[in-house]
Amino acid sequence: MSVYSSASDQSSSYSSPGPQDYQVVTASMMSNPRNLTATNKALLLRSLRSHSINTLPELRRIERIFAALNAPDTKQPMEDAWVYYVNYHNLLNELRGLTRQYPFSSECLDDAKRRVNGGTSQGNFCWQVLMKIKELNLIPHHARLLATKPAMWGGRAPSSTEIEKLATACTTEWTRALGTLLRHWDANGH
């Protein structure tokens, strides 16, 4: 018997559920969302609820389709999907995928999330968080905080020149990543 197997005959609660089927947004869905079949709509809703669609471009495609449908039963699942995307590190992972030289600050993202949640968030939580970072100019502040940490310098206190250089490099890369993600929306969050 393996050390990882259970002594009981009951199935393990840690077993993999197996591959998950979900409907990817197709070109025909995007070209005419009002012709979305009930089956495809149900598949998209199930995909949102199971979090099997978890990238910003895919979530935005579904959001556009549901906006065109203007169906009340799609609002809450879409909002829940955005909250999950932001709170369970998918947004941070996408930001860090765009900031390989200077990984995006989780503290900056957490700061923006707290500021959005302080004002009873409704709608697209991801867009609200990204806009909060932009509007409050949080990136330079957090880049400077990061640059002053001795851990960034092998335990030693950095010089003011080193702090400025690292803060500038982080600010540049993080701002570019923020802009890349915000391009998925227009100025009004649509």
N, C-alpha and C. Protein backbone atom coordinates (compact mmCIF):
# COMPACT_ATOMS: atom_id res chain seq x y z
N MET A 1 0.84 -1.18 0.00
CA MET A 1 0.00 0.00 0.00
C MET A 1 0.89 1.25 0.00
N SER A 2 0.57 2.20 -0.82
CA SER A 2 1.32 3.44 -0.90
C SER A 2 1.07 4.30 0.34
N VAL A 3 2.05 5.10 0.70
CA VAL A 3 1.87 6.00 1.84
C VAL A 3 0.84 7.08 1.52
N TYR A 4 0.53 7.25 0.26
CA TYR A 4 -0.43 8.27 -0.14
C TYR A 4 -1.84 7.73 -0.30
N SER A 5 -2.01 6.44 -0.19
CA SER A 5 -3.35 5.89 -0.37
C SER A 5 -4.08 5.85 0.96
N SER A 6 -5.36 5.81 0.89
CA SER A 6 -6.19 5.81 2.08
C SER A 6 -6.42 4.38 2.54
N ALA A 7 -6.43 4.19 3.84
CA ALA A 7 -6.68 2.86 4.39
C ALA A 7 -8.15 2.49 4.27
N SER A 8 -9.02 3.48 4.18
CA SER A 8 -10.45 3.20 4.08
C SER A 8 -10.83 2.92 2.64
N ASP A 9 -12.01 2.35 2.47
CA ASP A 9 -12.50 2.04 1.13
C ASP A 9 -13.19 3.24 0.49
N GLN A 10 -13.36 4.33 1.25
CA GLN A 10 -14.03 5.51 0.72
C GLN A 10 -13.10 6.21 -0.26
N SER A 11 -13.69 6.87 -1.24
CA SER A 11 -12.88 7.59 -2.22
C SER A 11 -12.26 8.81 -1.57
N SER A 12 -11.10 9.17 -2.04
CA SER A 12 -10.36 10.30 -1.48
C SER A 12 -10.99 11.61 -1.91
N SER A 13 -11.03 12.56 -1.00
CA SER A 13 -11.56 13.88 -1.34
C SER A 13 -10.52 14.70 -2.10
N TYR A 14 -9.32 14.14 -2.27
CA TYR A 14 -8.25 14.86 -2.96
C TYR A 14 -8.07 14.40 -4.39
N SER A 15 -8.94 13.56 -4.87
CA SER A 15 -8.79 13.07 -6.23
C SER A 15 -9.12 14.18 -7.22
N SER A 16 -8.51 14.10 -8.36
CA SER A 16 -8.72 15.09 -9.41
C SER A 16 -10.09 14.90 -10.03
N PRO A 17 -10.80 15.97 -10.30
CA PRO A 17 -12.12 15.84 -10.92
C PRO A 17 -12.03 15.48 -12.39
N GLY A 18 -10.84 15.43 -12.94
CA GLY A 18 -10.67 15.11 -14.35
C GLY A 18 -10.79 16.36 -15.20
N PRO A 19 -10.67 16.20 -16.50
CA PRO A 19 -10.72 17.37 -17.38
C PRO A 19 -12.08 18.05 -17.32
N GLN A 20 -12.05 19.35 -17.37
CA GLN A 20 -13.27 20.14 -17.32
C GLN A 20 -13.62 20.61 -18.74
N ASP A 21 -14.85 20.39 -19.13
CA ASP A 21 -15.30 20.88 -20.43
C ASP A 21 -15.87 22.28 -20.27
N TYR A 22 -15.50 23.15 -21.15
CA TYR A 22 -16.12 24.47 -21.17
C TYR A 22 -16.13 24.98 -22.58
N GLN A 23 -17.08 25.84 -22.83
CA GLN A 23 -17.25 26.41 -24.15
C GLN A 23 -16.37 27.64 -24.29
N VAL A 24 -15.46 27.60 -25.20
CA VAL A 24 -14.64 28.77 -25.48
C VAL A 24 -15.48 29.72 -26.32
N VAL A 25 -15.25 30.98 -26.13
CA VAL A 25 -15.98 31.98 -26.90
C VAL A 25 -15.54 31.88 -28.35
N THR A 26 -16.49 31.69 -29.23
CA THR A 26 -16.18 31.53 -30.65
C THR A 26 -16.42 32.84 -31.39
N ALA A 27 -15.90 32.89 -32.60
CA ALA A 27 -16.06 34.08 -33.44
C ALA A 27 -17.53 34.36 -33.73
N SER A 28 -18.31 33.30 -33.92
CA SER A 28 -19.72 33.51 -34.23
C SER A 28 -20.47 34.09 -33.02
N MET A 29 -20.06 33.71 -31.81
CA MET A 29 -20.68 34.30 -30.62
C MET A 29 -20.38 35.79 -30.55
N MET A 30 -19.15 36.14 -30.89
CA MET A 30 -18.75 37.55 -30.81
C MET A 30 -19.40 38.37 -31.92
N SER A 31 -19.53 37.78 -33.11
CA SER A 31 -20.05 38.55 -34.24
C SER A 31 -21.52 38.88 -34.09
N ASN A 32 -22.27 38.00 -33.44
CA ASN A 32 -23.69 38.27 -33.24
C ASN A 32 -24.14 37.65 -31.92
N PRO A 33 -23.82 38.30 -30.81
CA PRO A 33 -24.15 37.73 -29.49
C PRO A 33 -25.64 37.51 -29.27
N ARG A 34 -26.49 38.27 -29.95
CA ARG A 34 -27.93 38.11 -29.74
C ARG A 34 -28.45 36.79 -30.28
N ASN A 35 -27.66 36.14 -31.14
CA ASN A 35 -28.04 34.83 -31.67
C ASN A 35 -27.45 33.69 -30.84
N LEU A 36 -26.94 33.99 -29.67
CA LEU A 36 -26.37 32.98 -28.79
C LEU A 36 -27.47 31.99 -28.39
N THR A 37 -27.21 30.73 -28.58
CA THR A 37 -28.21 29.72 -28.22
C THR A 37 -28.29 29.59 -26.70
N ALA A 38 -29.39 29.10 -26.22
CA ALA A 38 -29.56 28.88 -24.78
C ALA A 38 -28.53 27.89 -24.27
N THR A 39 -28.19 26.91 -25.07
CA THR A 39 -27.18 25.92 -24.68
C THR A 39 -25.81 26.58 -24.53
N ASN A 40 -25.43 27.41 -25.50
CA ASN A 40 -24.14 28.10 -25.42
C ASN A 40 -24.10 29.08 -24.25
N LYS A 41 -25.21 29.76 -24.02
CA LYS A 41 -25.28 30.67 -22.88
C LYS A 41 -25.09 29.89 -21.57
N ALA A 42 -25.76 28.76 -21.45
CA ALA A 42 -25.64 27.93 -20.25
C ALA A 42 -24.21 27.43 -20.08
N LEU A 43 -23.57 27.07 -21.19
CA LEU A 43 -22.17 26.62 -21.12
C LEU A 43 -21.24 27.74 -20.66
N LEU A 44 -21.47 28.94 -21.17
CA LEU A 44 -20.64 30.07 -20.75
C LEU A 44 -20.86 30.38 -19.27
N LEU A 45 -22.11 30.34 -18.83
CA LEU A 45 -22.40 30.57 -17.41
C LEU A 45 -21.75 29.51 -16.53
N ARG A 46 -21.83 28.26 -16.97
CA ARG A 46 -21.19 27.18 -16.21
C ARG A 46 -19.67 27.37 -16.16
N SER A 47 -19.10 27.82 -17.26
CA SER A 47 -17.66 28.08 -17.31
C SER A 47 -17.26 29.18 -16.34
N LEU A 48 -18.09 30.20 -16.24
CA LEU A 48 -17.81 31.28 -15.28
C LEU A 48 -17.91 30.77 -13.86
N ARG A 49 -18.94 30.01 -13.58
CA ARG A 49 -19.15 29.52 -12.21
C ARG A 49 -18.08 28.52 -11.77
N SER A 50 -17.55 27.76 -12.71
CA SER A 50 -16.52 26.77 -12.37
C SER A 50 -15.11 27.36 -12.45
N HIS A 51 -15.01 28.62 -12.87
CA HIS A 51 -13.73 29.33 -13.00
C HIS A 51 -12.80 28.66 -13.99
N SER A 52 -13.35 27.97 -14.97
CA SER A 52 -12.51 27.35 -15.99
C SER A 52 -12.06 28.35 -17.04
N ILE A 53 -12.72 29.47 -17.12
CA ILE A 53 -12.26 30.58 -17.96
C ILE A 53 -11.68 31.60 -17.00
N ASN A 54 -10.36 31.80 -17.09
CA ASN A 54 -9.72 32.62 -16.08
C ASN A 54 -8.63 33.53 -16.62
N THR A 55 -8.79 33.97 -17.87
CA THR A 55 -7.88 34.98 -18.40
C THR A 55 -8.68 36.23 -18.71
N LEU A 56 -8.03 37.35 -18.62
CA LEU A 56 -8.71 38.62 -18.84
C LEU A 56 -9.33 38.69 -20.24
N PRO A 57 -8.62 38.33 -21.32
CA PRO A 57 -9.26 38.43 -22.65
C PRO A 57 -10.52 37.56 -22.78
N GLU A 58 -10.49 36.34 -22.25
CA GLU A 58 -11.66 35.48 -22.35
C GLU A 58 -12.82 36.02 -21.51
N LEU A 59 -12.53 36.49 -20.31
CA LEU A 59 -13.58 37.06 -19.48
C LEU A 59 -14.19 38.30 -20.15
N ARG A 60 -13.35 39.11 -20.77
CA ARG A 60 -13.87 40.31 -21.47
C ARG A 60 -14.75 39.91 -22.64
N ARG A 61 -14.38 38.87 -23.37
CA ARG A 61 -15.21 38.42 -24.49
C ARG A 61 -16.59 38.00 -24.00
N ILE A 62 -16.61 37.23 -22.93
CA ILE A 62 -17.89 36.79 -22.38
C ILE A 62 -18.68 37.99 -21.86
N GLU A 63 -18.00 38.92 -21.22
CA GLU A 63 -18.68 40.10 -20.70
C GLU A 63 -19.33 40.90 -21.84
N ARG A 64 -18.64 41.03 -22.97
CA ARG A 64 -19.21 41.75 -24.12
C ARG A 64 -20.45 41.02 -24.66
N ILE A 65 -20.37 39.71 -24.73
CA ILE A 65 -21.51 38.93 -25.22
C ILE A 65 -22.70 39.13 -24.28
N PHE A 66 -22.46 39.01 -22.99
CA PHE A 66 -23.55 39.16 -22.02
C PHE A 66 -24.09 40.59 -21.99
N ALA A 67 -23.24 41.57 -22.21
CA ALA A 67 -23.71 42.96 -22.26
C ALA A 67 -24.65 43.15 -23.44
N ALA A 68 -24.33 42.53 -24.57
CA ALA A 68 -25.20 42.64 -25.74
C ALA A 68 -26.54 41.94 -25.50
N LEU A 69 -26.52 40.85 -24.73
CA LEU A 69 -27.76 40.14 -24.42
C LEU A 69 -28.64 40.92 -23.46
N ASN A 70 -27.99 41.67 -22.56
CA ASN A 70 -28.69 42.43 -21.53
C ASN A 70 -29.65 41.54 -20.73
N ALA A 71 -29.17 40.34 -20.40
CA ALA A 71 -29.99 39.38 -19.65
C ALA A 71 -29.63 39.45 -18.17
N PRO A 72 -30.61 39.65 -17.30
CA PRO A 72 -30.35 39.80 -15.87
C PRO A 72 -29.65 38.60 -15.24
N ASP A 73 -29.90 37.41 -15.77
CA ASP A 73 -29.31 36.20 -15.17
C ASP A 73 -27.81 36.07 -15.42
N THR A 74 -27.23 36.96 -16.22
CA THR A 74 -25.79 36.90 -16.49
C THR A 74 -24.98 37.87 -15.63
N LYS A 75 -25.65 38.82 -15.01
CA LYS A 75 -24.95 39.88 -14.28
C LYS A 75 -24.16 39.35 -13.08
N GLN A 76 -24.80 38.62 -12.20
CA GLN A 76 -24.13 38.14 -10.98
C GLN A 76 -23.01 37.13 -11.27
N PRO A 77 -23.24 36.16 -12.16
CA PRO A 77 -22.14 35.24 -12.47
C PRO A 77 -20.92 35.95 -13.07
N MET A 78 -21.17 37.00 -13.86
CA MET A 78 -20.05 37.75 -14.44
C MET A 78 -19.31 38.52 -13.35
N GLU A 79 -20.05 39.18 -12.46
CA GLU A 79 -19.42 39.90 -11.36
C GLU A 79 -18.62 38.95 -10.47
N ASP A 80 -19.20 37.79 -10.17
CA ASP A 80 -18.51 36.80 -9.34
C ASP A 80 -17.23 36.30 -10.01
N ALA A 81 -17.28 36.13 -11.33
CA ALA A 81 -16.09 35.67 -12.07
C ALA A 81 -14.97 36.70 -11.98
N TRP A 82 -15.31 37.99 -12.08
CA TRP A 82 -14.29 39.04 -11.96
C TRP A 82 -13.70 39.07 -10.56
N VAL A 83 -14.53 38.93 -9.55
CA VAL A 83 -14.03 38.93 -8.16
C VAL A 83 -13.07 37.76 -7.97
N TYR A 84 -13.46 36.60 -8.45
CA TYR A 84 -12.58 35.42 -8.34
C TYR A 84 -11.27 35.66 -9.08
N TYR A 85 -11.35 36.19 -10.28
CA TYR A 85 -10.16 36.46 -11.10
C TYR A 85 -9.18 37.37 -10.37
N VAL A 86 -9.70 38.40 -9.73
CA VAL A 86 -8.84 39.35 -9.01
C VAL A 86 -8.33 38.77 -7.70
N ASN A 87 -9.19 38.15 -6.92
CA ASN A 87 -8.83 37.71 -5.57
C ASN A 87 -8.01 36.43 -5.52
N TYR A 88 -8.05 35.63 -6.55
CA TYR A 88 -7.32 34.37 -6.52
C TYR A 88 -6.11 34.38 -7.44
N HIS A 89 -5.47 35.51 -7.51
CA HIS A 89 -4.14 35.71 -8.12
C HIS A 89 -4.08 35.62 -9.64
N ASN A 90 -5.20 35.47 -10.33
CA ASN A 90 -5.13 35.44 -11.79
C ASN A 90 -4.73 36.81 -12.34
N LEU A 91 -5.25 37.88 -11.78
CA LEU A 91 -4.87 39.21 -12.23
C LEU A 91 -3.40 39.46 -11.92
N LEU A 92 -2.97 39.12 -10.73
CA LEU A 92 -1.56 39.30 -10.37
C LEU A 92 -0.67 38.48 -11.31
N ASN A 93 -1.06 37.26 -11.61
CA ASN A 93 -0.27 36.43 -12.53
C ASN A 93 -0.19 37.05 -13.92
N GLU A 94 -1.29 37.61 -14.41
CA GLU A 94 -1.25 38.25 -15.73
C GLU A 94 -0.38 39.50 -15.70
N LEU A 95 -0.46 40.28 -14.62
CA LEU A 95 0.40 41.46 -14.50
C LEU A 95 1.87 41.03 -14.44
N ARG A 96 2.16 39.99 -13.69
CA ARG A 96 3.54 39.53 -13.57
C ARG A 96 4.04 38.89 -14.86
N GLY A 97 3.14 38.33 -15.64
CA GLY A 97 3.53 37.82 -16.95
C GLY A 97 3.97 38.93 -17.89
N LEU A 98 3.48 40.12 -17.65
CA LEU A 98 3.85 41.29 -18.46
C LEU A 98 5.01 42.07 -17.86
N THR A 99 5.45 41.69 -16.67
CA THR A 99 6.52 42.43 -15.97
C THR A 99 7.60 41.45 -15.52
N ARG A 100 8.24 40.82 -16.47
CA ARG A 100 9.21 39.77 -16.14
C ARG A 100 10.51 40.33 -15.53
N GLN A 101 10.93 41.51 -15.93
CA GLN A 101 12.16 42.09 -15.37
C GLN A 101 11.97 42.51 -13.92
N TYR A 102 10.83 43.14 -13.66
CA TYR A 102 10.51 43.65 -12.31
C TYR A 102 9.09 43.23 -11.99
N PRO A 103 8.89 42.04 -11.41
CA PRO A 103 7.54 41.52 -11.17
C PRO A 103 6.64 42.50 -10.44
N PHE A 104 5.41 42.61 -10.94
CA PHE A 104 4.44 43.55 -10.40
C PHE A 104 4.24 43.32 -8.90
N SER A 105 4.06 44.39 -8.16
CA SER A 105 3.93 44.35 -6.71
C SER A 105 2.57 43.85 -6.27
N SER A 106 2.57 42.77 -5.50
CA SER A 106 1.31 42.28 -4.94
C SER A 106 0.76 43.28 -3.93
N GLU A 107 1.65 44.03 -3.27
CA GLU A 107 1.20 45.05 -2.32
C GLU A 107 0.44 46.17 -3.02
N CYS A 108 0.89 46.53 -4.21
CA CYS A 108 0.20 47.57 -4.99
C CYS A 108 -1.21 47.09 -5.35
N LEU A 109 -1.29 45.85 -5.82
CA LEU A 109 -2.60 45.29 -6.19
C LEU A 109 -3.50 45.18 -4.96
N ASP A 110 -2.96 44.71 -3.85
CA ASP A 110 -3.75 44.59 -2.62
C ASP A 110 -4.23 45.95 -2.13
N ASP A 111 -3.40 46.97 -2.26
CA ASP A 111 -3.77 48.33 -1.88
C ASP A 111 -4.97 48.80 -2.70
N ALA A 112 -4.92 48.57 -4.00
CA ALA A 112 -6.03 48.98 -4.88
C ALA A 112 -7.30 48.20 -4.55
N LYS A 113 -7.17 46.90 -4.29
CA LYS A 113 -8.34 46.08 -3.94
C LYS A 113 -9.00 46.60 -2.66
N ARG A 114 -8.20 46.93 -1.67
CA ARG A 114 -8.76 47.47 -0.42
C ARG A 114 -9.50 48.78 -0.68
N ARG A 115 -8.94 49.61 -1.49
CA ARG A 115 -9.56 50.91 -1.78
C ARG A 115 -10.86 50.76 -2.55
N VAL A 116 -10.93 49.79 -3.44
CA VAL A 116 -12.17 49.53 -4.17
C VAL A 116 -13.20 48.92 -3.24
N ASN A 117 -12.81 47.94 -2.45
CA ASN A 117 -13.74 47.27 -1.55
C ASN A 117 -14.28 48.20 -0.48
N GLY A 118 -13.55 49.23 -0.16
CA GLY A 118 -14.01 50.21 0.82
C GLY A 118 -15.24 50.96 0.34
N GLY A 119 -15.49 50.94 -0.95
CA GLY A 119 -16.63 51.66 -1.51
C GLY A 119 -17.65 50.75 -2.14
N THR A 120 -18.03 49.70 -1.48
CA THR A 120 -19.02 48.71 -1.94
C THR A 120 -18.96 48.51 -3.46
N SER A 121 -18.12 47.61 -3.87
CA SER A 121 -17.89 47.33 -5.29
C SER A 121 -19.07 46.62 -5.92
N GLN A 122 -19.48 47.10 -7.08
CA GLN A 122 -20.45 46.41 -7.94
C GLN A 122 -19.94 46.56 -9.35
N GLY A 123 -20.24 45.60 -10.19
CA GLY A 123 -19.80 45.67 -11.57
C GLY A 123 -18.49 44.93 -11.76
N ASN A 124 -17.67 45.43 -12.65
CA ASN A 124 -16.43 44.76 -13.01
C ASN A 124 -15.32 45.11 -12.03
N PHE A 125 -15.09 44.22 -11.08
CA PHE A 125 -14.11 44.44 -10.01
C PHE A 125 -12.70 44.59 -10.58
N CYS A 126 -12.37 43.84 -11.61
CA CYS A 126 -11.04 43.93 -12.21
C CYS A 126 -10.79 45.33 -12.76
N TRP A 127 -11.72 45.83 -13.55
CA TRP A 127 -11.57 47.16 -14.13
C TRP A 127 -11.47 48.22 -13.02
N GLN A 128 -12.29 48.07 -11.98
CA GLN A 128 -12.25 49.03 -10.87
C GLN A 128 -10.89 49.03 -10.18
N VAL A 129 -10.32 47.86 -9.98
CA VAL A 129 -9.01 47.76 -9.32
C VAL A 129 -7.93 48.38 -10.21
N LEU A 130 -7.93 48.02 -11.48
CA LEU A 130 -6.93 48.59 -12.39
C LEU A 130 -7.06 50.11 -12.49
N MET A 131 -8.29 50.59 -12.56
CA MET A 131 -8.49 52.05 -12.62
C MET A 131 -8.08 52.73 -11.32
N LYS A 132 -8.28 52.07 -10.20
CA LYS A 132 -7.86 52.64 -8.91
C LYS A 132 -6.34 52.80 -8.89
N ILE A 133 -5.62 51.80 -9.41
CA ILE A 133 -4.16 51.89 -9.50
C ILE A 133 -3.78 53.10 -10.34
N LYS A 134 -4.45 53.26 -11.46
CA LYS A 134 -4.13 54.36 -12.38
C LYS A 134 -4.52 55.72 -11.79
N GLU A 135 -5.77 55.84 -11.34
CA GLU A 135 -6.28 57.13 -10.86
C GLU A 135 -5.54 57.65 -9.63
N LEU A 136 -5.18 56.74 -8.73
CA LEU A 136 -4.49 57.16 -7.49
C LEU A 136 -2.99 57.12 -7.64
N ASN A 137 -2.52 56.80 -8.84
CA ASN A 137 -1.09 56.79 -9.13
C ASN A 137 -0.33 55.93 -8.11
N LEU A 138 -0.84 54.73 -7.88
CA LEU A 138 -0.27 53.84 -6.87
C LEU A 138 1.06 53.22 -7.29
N ILE A 139 1.30 53.11 -8.57
CA ILE A 139 2.52 52.44 -9.03
C ILE A 139 3.80 53.12 -8.55
N PRO A 140 3.99 54.42 -8.75
CA PRO A 140 5.24 55.02 -8.28
C PRO A 140 5.45 54.87 -6.77
N HIS A 141 4.37 54.99 -6.02
CA HIS A 141 4.46 54.84 -4.56
C HIS A 141 4.96 53.45 -4.19
N HIS A 142 4.36 52.43 -4.77
CA HIS A 142 4.74 51.05 -4.43
C HIS A 142 6.09 50.66 -5.02
N ALA A 143 6.43 51.22 -6.16
CA ALA A 143 7.75 50.97 -6.74
C ALA A 143 8.83 51.52 -5.81
N ARG A 144 8.58 52.69 -5.26
CA ARG A 144 9.54 53.31 -4.34
C ARG A 144 9.64 52.50 -3.04
N LEU A 145 8.50 52.05 -2.53
CA LEU A 145 8.52 51.21 -1.32
C LEU A 145 9.34 49.95 -1.55
N LEU A 146 9.14 49.32 -2.68
CA LEU A 146 9.89 48.12 -3.01
C LEU A 146 11.39 48.42 -3.11
N ALA A 147 11.71 49.50 -3.76
CA ALA A 147 13.12 49.85 -3.99
C ALA A 147 13.87 50.17 -2.70
N THR A 148 13.15 50.57 -1.66
CA THR A 148 13.81 50.92 -0.40
C THR A 148 14.03 49.71 0.52
N LYS A 149 13.45 48.57 0.19
CA LYS A 149 13.57 47.40 1.04
C LYS A 149 14.98 46.82 0.96
N PRO A 150 15.64 46.66 2.10
CA PRO A 150 16.98 46.06 2.09
C PRO A 150 17.00 44.66 1.46
N ALA A 151 15.91 43.93 1.54
CA ALA A 151 15.84 42.59 0.94
C ALA A 151 16.08 42.66 -0.57
N MET A 152 15.74 43.76 -1.19
CA MET A 152 15.97 43.93 -2.63
C MET A 152 17.44 44.13 -2.94
N TRP A 153 18.22 44.41 -1.91
CA TRP A 153 19.64 44.76 -2.08
C TRP A 153 20.54 43.80 -1.30
N GLY A 154 20.08 42.58 -1.12
CA GLY A 154 20.90 41.59 -0.43
C GLY A 154 21.09 41.88 1.05
N GLY A 155 20.14 42.57 1.65
CA GLY A 155 20.19 42.85 3.08
C GLY A 155 20.85 44.17 3.44
N ARG A 156 21.42 44.85 2.49
CA ARG A 156 22.07 46.13 2.79
C ARG A 156 21.14 47.30 2.47
N ALA A 157 21.44 48.42 3.05
CA ALA A 157 20.67 49.63 2.78
C ALA A 157 21.12 50.21 1.44
N PRO A 158 20.16 50.42 0.52
CA PRO A 158 20.53 50.97 -0.79
C PRO A 158 20.82 52.47 -0.72
N SER A 159 21.58 52.94 -1.69
CA SER A 159 21.82 54.38 -1.80
C SER A 159 20.59 55.04 -2.42
N SER A 160 20.49 56.34 -2.30
CA SER A 160 19.35 57.05 -2.89
C SER A 160 19.36 56.92 -4.41
N THR A 161 20.52 56.85 -5.02
CA THR A 161 20.63 56.67 -6.46
C THR A 161 20.11 55.30 -6.87
N GLU A 162 20.46 54.27 -6.11
CA GLU A 162 19.98 52.92 -6.39
C GLU A 162 18.46 52.83 -6.22
N ILE A 163 17.96 53.46 -5.18
CA ILE A 163 16.51 53.46 -4.96
C ILE A 163 15.80 54.11 -6.13
N GLU A 164 16.29 55.25 -6.54
CA GLU A 164 15.66 55.99 -7.64
C GLU A 164 15.70 55.19 -8.94
N LYS A 165 16.84 54.55 -9.20
CA LYS A 165 16.99 53.78 -10.43
C LYS A 165 16.03 52.58 -10.46
N LEU A 166 15.95 51.83 -9.35
CA LEU A 166 15.05 50.68 -9.30
C LEU A 166 13.59 51.13 -9.32
N ALA A 167 13.25 52.17 -8.58
CA ALA A 167 11.87 52.67 -8.56
C ALA A 167 11.44 53.12 -9.95
N THR A 168 12.32 53.77 -10.68
CA THR A 168 12.00 54.22 -12.04
C THR A 168 11.80 53.03 -12.97
N ALA A 169 12.66 52.02 -12.86
CA ALA A 169 12.54 50.84 -13.72
C ALA A 169 11.24 50.10 -13.42
N CYS A 170 10.91 49.93 -12.15
CA CYS A 170 9.66 49.26 -11.78
C CYS A 170 8.46 50.06 -12.27
N THR A 171 8.49 51.36 -12.04
CA THR A 171 7.38 52.22 -12.45
C THR A 171 7.14 52.12 -13.95
N THR A 172 8.20 52.15 -14.73
CA THR A 172 8.08 52.08 -16.18
C THR A 172 7.45 50.77 -16.62
N GLU A 173 7.98 49.65 -16.10
CA GLU A 173 7.47 48.34 -16.52
C GLU A 173 6.05 48.09 -16.01
N TRP A 174 5.78 48.45 -14.77
CA TRP A 174 4.46 48.21 -14.20
C TRP A 174 3.40 49.07 -14.89
N THR A 175 3.75 50.32 -15.21
CA THR A 175 2.81 51.21 -15.89
C THR A 175 2.48 50.69 -17.28
N ARG A 176 3.48 50.16 -17.97
CA ARG A 176 3.25 49.58 -19.29
C ARG A 176 2.30 48.39 -19.18
N ALA A 177 2.50 47.54 -18.19
CA ALA A 177 1.62 46.37 -18.00
C ALA A 177 0.19 46.80 -17.68
N LEU A 178 0.06 47.79 -16.81
CA LEU A 178 -1.27 48.31 -16.47
C LEU A 178 -1.98 48.82 -17.73
N GLY A 179 -1.26 49.57 -18.54
CA GLY A 179 -1.84 50.08 -19.79
C GLY A 179 -2.26 48.97 -20.74
N THR A 180 -1.46 47.92 -20.80
CA THR A 180 -1.78 46.78 -21.66
C THR A 180 -3.09 46.14 -21.24
N LEU A 181 -3.28 45.94 -19.94
CA LEU A 181 -4.52 45.33 -19.47
C LEU A 181 -5.71 46.26 -19.61
N LEU A 182 -5.51 47.54 -19.37
CA LEU A 182 -6.63 48.49 -19.48
C LEU A 182 -7.10 48.66 -20.92
N ARG A 183 -6.28 48.31 -21.88
CA ARG A 183 -6.70 48.42 -23.29
C ARG A 183 -7.84 47.46 -23.63
N HIS A 184 -8.12 46.54 -22.74
CA HIS A 184 -9.26 45.62 -22.97
C HIS A 184 -10.60 46.32 -22.75
N TRP A 185 -10.58 47.53 -22.20
CA TRP A 185 -11.80 48.30 -21.94
C TRP A 185 -11.68 49.66 -22.60
N ASP A 186 -12.83 50.30 -22.82
CA ASP A 186 -12.79 51.70 -23.22
C ASP A 186 -12.72 52.56 -21.96
N ALA A 187 -12.74 53.85 -22.10
CA ALA A 187 -12.57 54.76 -20.96
C ALA A 187 -13.66 54.62 -19.92
N ASN A 188 -14.82 54.11 -20.29
CA ASN A 188 -15.94 53.96 -19.36
C ASN A 188 -16.05 52.57 -18.74
N GLY A 189 -15.07 51.72 -19.00
CA GLY A 189 -15.10 50.38 -18.45
C GLY A 189 -15.95 49.41 -19.23
N HIS A 190 -16.20 49.72 -20.49
CA HIS A 190 -17.03 48.83 -21.34
C HIS A 190 -16.17 48.15 -22.40
